Amino acid sequence: MNAIVEPKTLDYHPCKYGASKILFRGPQKRLRGDFFTFLGSTETFGRFIAAPFPDLIEQATGIASINLGCIRAGVDSYMSSTGLLDICAMSRVTIVQIMGAPNMSNRFYKVDPRHNERFLRASKTFKTIYPEVDFSEFDLNSHMLTALARIGPERLHLVRQEIQSAWVARMRTLLGRIDGKKVLLWLADHAPFSNATGGTICRDPLFIDRSMLNAVKPFADTLIEVVGDKSDIERGLDQMIYSEMEHGSAQEMLGPIVHQRTANELEPVLMELITKPTTTQLEPSESALLA
C-alpha cells in the first residue's frame, strides 16, 4: 500500500472547551447557533484522518460539529466534567460513541480522570485476586489486562464482569445527565458480541457485548451500528496521514472510508431527530428495572 507517510503528523489544532482540561481536536469553535456535539474515543477524535465523521456531518448538513472526542477516552472523561455536559445540553443532538469498558475506574482499579487509558492503582480486592502481581509495573490498562489474561484467565472473568457492570451503570448515568436528544454510535470492525462470545479483550470497544448495549439503549433516542468492512479499512489506510513511526497505530484505525460510511448513516438520523420534539428519557434511577 502507498499510504501517505509524512515527516510530521496531522495538525489537530488541539483546543479546550469550557473549564475542561482535556485537549480536543480543533480548531476551536464558538458555541453558538445550531450544532451537534460528539463524545467518544479515538475514532471520534479522528486520529490520522484529515476529515473524521463529525467534520463530514458538518459538511453534509451545514450544522456545526463540536468534536469532543478524545484519544483512548473512557466514560470517566465526560462524567468528571459538567462543563462538557453543558455543551451537550446546548446542542441539537449529542452523539455518543460506544467506548471500551476498561478505561474507567471501578472497584478493582483507578484510572487517570483525564487520560482514562492510564492505570493508576489497584484496590485491595484486586490485589487479593492476583496476589502474585506487582501492579506498580503497569502504566496502561490494556497492558495490565493483557498480562492478567496470561497469568490467570479464569480470574480475569471476575474482573471482566465487574468492569462490564460498572460500564453499564456509568453509561446510564452519563446519558441521564445529557439533556436533549442523544444518539448512541457503535463504530468498530465487528458487530457487538453476543453474551456467549468471548475474545472481546482483543477488539475495541473492549469488553462491550450486545446485552450491555441493550441495557443502555433505552437511555438514548436511538442506536446506530456501523461495522467497518475489512476491505474498506485496508483501502482507507492509503488515505490516512501519519509518520513512519505511527504506521502500526494507523493500521488499528478504521480509516476515512469507514468514517464516510458513518457520516452517511448518521446524517439522515440526525436530520430527522432535529425535526421531532424531545421525548422524555429514562432516569438513571430506573436502571434497576432494566438490569
Protein backbone atom coordinates (compact mmCIF):
# COMPACT_ATOMS: atom_id res chain seq x y z
CA MET A 1 0.00 0.00 0.00
CA ASN A 2 1.17 3.53 -0.73
CA ALA A 3 -0.02 5.28 2.41
CA ILE A 4 0.59 8.98 2.83
CA VAL A 5 3.62 8.87 5.09
CA GLU A 6 4.87 12.31 6.09
CA PRO A 7 7.64 13.59 8.39
CA LYS A 8 5.00 15.13 10.63
CA THR A 9 1.58 14.01 11.74
CA LEU A 10 -1.62 15.92 11.15
CA ASP A 11 -2.02 19.22 12.94
CA TYR A 12 -5.08 18.53 15.08
CA HIS A 13 -5.18 22.14 16.33
CA PRO A 14 -5.66 20.97 19.95
CA CYS A 15 -8.07 23.09 21.95
CA LYS A 16 -10.10 23.15 25.15
CA TYR A 17 -13.76 23.82 25.83
CA GLY A 18 -15.12 25.38 28.99
CA ALA A 19 -13.34 24.51 32.21
CA SER A 20 -12.30 21.06 30.97
CA LYS A 21 -8.54 20.41 30.91
CA ILE A 22 -8.88 17.77 28.21
CA LEU A 23 -7.42 18.61 24.81
CA PHE A 24 -9.82 18.07 21.92
CA ARG A 25 -9.44 18.27 18.18
CA GLY A 26 -9.71 21.79 16.84
CA PRO A 27 -9.85 24.35 15.55
CA GLN A 28 -11.96 25.52 18.46
CA LYS A 29 -15.48 26.61 17.50
CA ARG A 30 -17.78 29.14 19.08
CA LEU A 31 -20.67 27.60 20.95
CA ARG A 32 -23.49 29.50 19.38
CA GLY A 33 -26.33 28.76 16.98
CA ASP A 34 -27.16 25.21 15.98
CA PHE A 35 -24.56 22.49 16.42
CA PHE A 36 -24.13 18.78 17.04
CA THR A 37 -21.89 17.53 19.84
CA PHE A 38 -19.80 14.37 19.54
CA LEU A 39 -18.45 12.43 22.51
CA GLY A 40 -16.20 9.43 22.04
CA SER A 41 -12.78 7.93 21.83
CA THR A 42 -10.01 7.74 19.20
CA GLU A 43 -12.26 7.24 16.17
CA THR A 44 -14.44 10.24 17.05
CA PHE A 45 -11.28 12.30 17.51
CA GLY A 46 -10.25 11.14 14.05
CA ARG A 47 -6.63 10.18 14.56
CA PHE A 48 -4.66 10.16 11.26
CA ILE A 49 -7.75 11.31 9.33
CA ALA A 50 -7.98 14.74 7.71
CA ALA A 51 -11.79 14.83 7.90
CA PRO A 52 -13.29 12.50 10.54
CA PHE A 53 -17.00 11.74 10.54
CA PRO A 54 -18.00 14.76 12.73
CA ASP A 55 -16.45 17.05 10.10
CA LEU A 56 -18.20 15.14 7.32
CA ILE A 57 -21.53 15.58 9.13
CA GLU A 58 -20.91 19.32 9.31
CA GLN A 59 -20.09 19.49 5.60
CA ALA A 60 -23.20 17.50 4.66
CA THR A 61 -25.73 19.23 6.92
CA GLY A 62 -24.36 22.75 7.25
CA ILE A 63 -24.73 22.37 11.02
CA ALA A 64 -21.55 22.83 13.05
CA SER A 65 -19.99 19.83 14.76
CA ILE A 66 -18.31 20.21 18.15
CA ASN A 67 -15.87 17.31 18.31
CA LEU A 68 -15.28 16.38 21.95
CA GLY A 69 -13.73 13.04 21.03
CA CYS A 70 -10.57 12.21 22.95
CA ILE A 71 -7.89 9.64 22.13
CA ARG A 72 -8.44 6.44 24.16
CA ALA A 73 -11.15 8.13 26.23
CA GLY A 74 -13.48 6.24 28.54
CA VAL A 75 -16.79 7.24 30.07
CA ASP A 76 -14.99 8.89 33.01
CA SER A 77 -13.62 11.63 30.74
CA TYR A 78 -17.13 13.04 30.48
CA MET A 79 -18.54 12.07 33.85
CA SER A 80 -15.97 14.25 35.60
CA SER A 81 -16.62 17.39 33.55
CA THR A 82 -20.01 19.07 33.95
CA GLY A 83 -18.83 21.81 31.59
CA LEU A 84 -18.75 19.36 28.70
CA LEU A 85 -22.25 18.14 29.54
CA ASP A 86 -23.41 21.76 29.48
CA ILE A 87 -22.20 21.93 25.88
CA CYS A 88 -24.22 18.81 25.11
CA ALA A 89 -27.31 20.47 26.58
CA MET A 90 -26.85 23.39 24.16
CA SER A 91 -26.60 21.18 21.07
CA ARG A 92 -29.36 19.92 18.81
CA VAL A 93 -28.24 16.30 19.23
CA THR A 94 -25.41 14.62 21.16
CA ILE A 95 -23.75 11.65 19.50
CA VAL A 96 -22.04 9.29 21.96
CA GLN A 97 -19.62 6.74 20.54
CA ILE A 98 -19.62 3.44 22.44
CA MET A 99 -16.32 3.49 24.35
CA GLY A 100 -14.49 0.49 25.78
CA ALA A 101 -15.15 -0.55 29.37
CA PRO A 102 -11.58 -0.97 30.79
CA ASN A 103 -10.67 2.74 30.53
CA MET A 104 -12.86 3.59 33.51
CA SER A 105 -12.42 3.49 37.28
CA ASN A 106 -14.15 0.62 39.07
CA ARG A 107 -13.92 -1.19 42.38
CA PHE A 108 -10.82 -3.08 41.22
CA TYR A 109 -8.66 -0.22 39.94
CA LYS A 110 -8.49 3.53 39.34
CA VAL A 111 -7.67 5.29 36.09
CA ASP A 112 -6.43 8.80 35.39
CA PRO A 113 -9.54 11.04 35.26
CA ARG A 114 -8.26 12.91 32.18
CA HIS A 115 -6.24 10.20 30.44
CA ASN A 116 -8.53 7.24 31.04
CA GLU A 117 -6.19 4.74 29.39
CA ARG A 118 -3.64 5.25 32.18
CA PHE A 119 -3.70 2.81 35.08
CA LEU A 120 -3.20 4.50 38.47
CA ARG A 121 -3.58 1.90 41.21
CA ALA A 122 -5.17 -1.39 42.18
CA SER A 123 -7.62 -1.82 45.05
CA LYS A 124 -7.02 -4.23 47.93
CA THR A 125 -9.66 -6.52 46.46
CA PHE A 126 -7.85 -6.61 43.13
CA LYS A 127 -4.55 -7.40 44.82
CA THR A 128 -6.24 -10.24 46.70
CA ILE A 129 -7.42 -11.78 43.43
CA TYR A 130 -3.92 -11.50 41.91
CA PRO A 131 -1.53 -11.71 44.90
CA GLU A 132 1.43 -12.63 42.69
CA VAL A 133 1.16 -9.48 40.55
CA ASP A 134 3.13 -6.27 41.11
CA PHE A 135 0.63 -3.71 39.81
CA SER A 136 3.21 -0.91 40.02
CA GLU A 137 4.69 -2.30 36.80
CA PHE A 138 1.70 -1.19 34.72
CA ASP A 139 1.03 2.25 33.32
CA LEU A 140 -1.73 1.39 30.82
CA ASN A 141 -4.95 -0.52 31.45
CA SER A 142 -4.51 -2.53 28.26
CA HIS A 143 -1.05 -3.73 29.30
CA MET A 144 -2.32 -4.67 32.74
CA LEU A 145 -5.33 -6.65 31.48
CA THR A 146 -3.30 -8.43 28.81
CA ALA A 147 -0.79 -9.52 31.45
CA LEU A 148 -3.56 -10.73 33.77
CA ALA A 149 -5.13 -12.72 30.94
CA ARG A 150 -1.88 -14.65 30.62
CA ILE A 151 -1.36 -15.10 34.35
CA GLY A 152 -4.84 -16.22 35.35
CA PRO A 153 -7.53 -16.10 32.66
CA GLU A 154 -10.13 -17.76 34.89
CA ARG A 155 -9.70 -14.99 37.46
CA LEU A 156 -9.91 -12.31 34.78
CA HIS A 157 -13.52 -13.37 34.20
CA LEU A 158 -14.41 -11.90 37.63
CA VAL A 159 -12.65 -8.66 36.73
CA ARG A 160 -14.38 -8.50 33.38
CA GLN A 161 -17.81 -8.93 34.97
CA GLU A 162 -17.11 -6.07 37.38
CA ILE A 163 -15.88 -3.79 34.61
CA GLN A 164 -18.89 -4.56 32.43
CA SER A 165 -21.34 -3.95 35.27
CA ALA A 166 -19.63 -0.65 36.12
CA TRP A 167 -19.73 0.42 32.47
CA VAL A 168 -23.48 -0.12 32.18
CA ALA A 169 -24.15 1.86 35.37
CA ARG A 170 -21.79 4.68 34.36
CA MET A 171 -23.19 4.92 30.84
CA ARG A 172 -26.76 5.10 32.15
CA THR A 173 -25.73 7.89 34.47
CA LEU A 174 -23.87 9.76 31.73
CA LEU A 175 -26.80 9.56 29.31
CA GLY A 176 -29.15 10.63 32.09
CA ARG A 177 -27.06 13.75 32.65
CA ILE A 178 -27.05 14.76 29.00
CA ASP A 179 -30.05 16.96 28.35
CA GLY A 180 -31.66 16.78 24.94
CA LYS A 181 -31.59 14.25 22.15
CA LYS A 182 -28.93 11.54 22.12
CA VAL A 183 -27.65 9.01 19.61
CA LEU A 184 -25.52 6.04 20.60
CA LEU A 185 -22.95 5.06 17.96
CA TRP A 186 -21.36 1.62 17.71
CA LEU A 187 -18.30 2.08 15.48
CA ALA A 188 -15.99 -0.92 15.18
CA ASP A 189 -14.56 -3.56 12.87
CA HIS A 190 -17.07 -6.11 14.18
CA ALA A 191 -20.69 -6.33 15.26
CA PRO A 192 -21.39 -6.40 19.02
CA PHE A 193 -20.55 -9.78 20.51
CA SER A 194 -23.30 -11.94 21.92
CA ASN A 195 -23.21 -12.81 25.63
CA ALA A 196 -21.73 -16.23 24.91
CA THR A 197 -18.93 -14.97 22.66
CA GLY A 198 -15.51 -14.42 24.17
CA GLY A 199 -12.42 -12.65 22.87
CA THR A 200 -13.55 -9.09 23.48
CA ILE A 201 -10.34 -8.28 25.34
CA CYS A 202 -8.63 -8.05 21.96
CA ARG A 203 -11.00 -5.83 19.97
CA ASP A 204 -12.28 -2.32 20.52
CA PRO A 205 -14.56 -1.33 22.11
CA LEU A 206 -13.15 -3.70 24.72
CA PHE A 207 -15.49 -5.86 26.82
CA ILE A 208 -18.70 -4.47 25.27
CA ASP A 209 -21.34 -7.01 24.25
CA ARG A 210 -24.90 -6.93 22.97
CA SER A 211 -26.52 -7.26 26.39
CA MET A 212 -24.67 -4.17 27.59
CA LEU A 213 -25.87 -2.16 24.59
CA ASN A 214 -29.43 -3.34 25.22
CA ALA A 215 -29.12 -2.15 28.83
CA VAL A 216 -28.16 1.42 27.89
CA LYS A 217 -30.10 1.85 24.64
CA PRO A 218 -33.35 2.94 26.38
CA PHE A 219 -31.49 5.99 27.74
CA ALA A 220 -30.92 7.40 24.24
CA ASP A 221 -33.16 8.18 21.28
CA THR A 222 -31.57 5.56 19.04
CA LEU A 223 -28.56 3.32 18.48
CA ILE A 224 -26.70 3.34 15.17
CA GLU A 225 -24.34 0.46 14.37
CA VAL A 226 -21.55 0.90 11.83
CA VAL A 227 -19.29 -2.09 11.21
CA GLY A 228 -16.18 -1.39 9.17
CA ASP A 229 -15.60 -3.79 6.29
CA LYS A 230 -12.09 -5.26 6.19
CA SER A 231 -11.51 -4.17 2.58
CA ASP A 232 -12.68 -0.61 3.33
CA ILE A 233 -10.34 -0.44 6.32
CA GLU A 234 -7.39 -1.65 4.24
CA ARG A 235 -8.14 0.71 1.34
CA GLY A 236 -8.58 3.60 3.75
CA LEU A 237 -5.01 3.23 5.00
CA ASP A 238 -3.84 4.77 1.73
CA GLN A 239 -5.70 7.98 2.58
CA MET A 240 -4.51 8.37 6.16
CA ILE A 241 -1.76 10.78 7.20
CA TYR A 242 0.84 9.58 9.67
CA SER A 243 4.56 9.37 10.26
CA GLU A 244 6.62 6.24 9.72
CA MET A 245 6.73 5.63 13.47
CA GLU A 246 2.92 5.74 13.62
CA HIS A 247 2.34 3.10 10.96
CA GLY A 248 1.42 0.39 13.48
CA SER A 249 -1.09 2.64 15.24
CA ALA A 250 -2.58 3.75 11.91
CA GLN A 251 -3.27 0.12 10.97
CA GLU A 252 -5.51 -0.17 14.04
CA MET A 253 -7.79 2.67 12.90
CA LEU A 254 -10.95 2.20 10.82
CA GLY A 255 -9.90 4.80 8.28
CA PRO A 256 -11.58 7.51 6.19
CA ILE A 257 -13.75 5.20 4.06
CA VAL A 258 -15.46 3.84 7.17
CA HIS A 259 -15.74 7.40 8.51
CA GLN A 260 -17.57 8.41 5.32
CA ARG A 261 -19.95 5.47 5.76
CA THR A 262 -20.51 6.54 9.35
CA ALA A 263 -21.39 10.07 8.29
CA ASN A 264 -23.72 8.74 5.58
CA GLU A 265 -25.61 6.62 8.11
CA LEU A 266 -25.73 9.28 10.81
CA GLU A 267 -26.82 12.23 8.66
CA PRO A 268 -30.44 11.20 7.94
CA VAL A 269 -30.92 10.08 11.55
CA LEU A 270 -29.71 13.42 12.90
CA MET A 271 -31.75 15.46 10.46
CA GLU A 272 -34.87 13.51 11.39
CA LEU A 273 -34.22 13.92 15.11
CA ILE A 274 -33.90 17.70 14.95
CA THR A 275 -37.38 17.92 13.43
CA LYS A 276 -39.00 15.87 16.21
CA PRO A 277 -39.99 17.14 19.65
CA THR A 278 -37.83 15.99 22.53
CA THR A 279 -39.15 12.90 24.28
CA THR A 280 -38.69 12.06 27.95
CA GLN A 281 -35.75 9.72 28.54
CA LEU A 282 -35.44 7.18 31.32
CA GLU A 283 -33.87 8.41 34.53
CA PRO A 284 -30.76 6.66 35.88
CA SER A 285 -32.74 5.70 38.98
CA GLU A 286 -34.82 3.40 36.81
CA SER A 287 -31.77 1.30 35.94
CA ALA A 288 -32.63 -1.45 38.40
CA LEU A 289 -35.79 -2.17 36.45
CA LEU A 290 -33.75 -2.89 33.33
CA ALA A 291 -30.97 -4.97 34.85
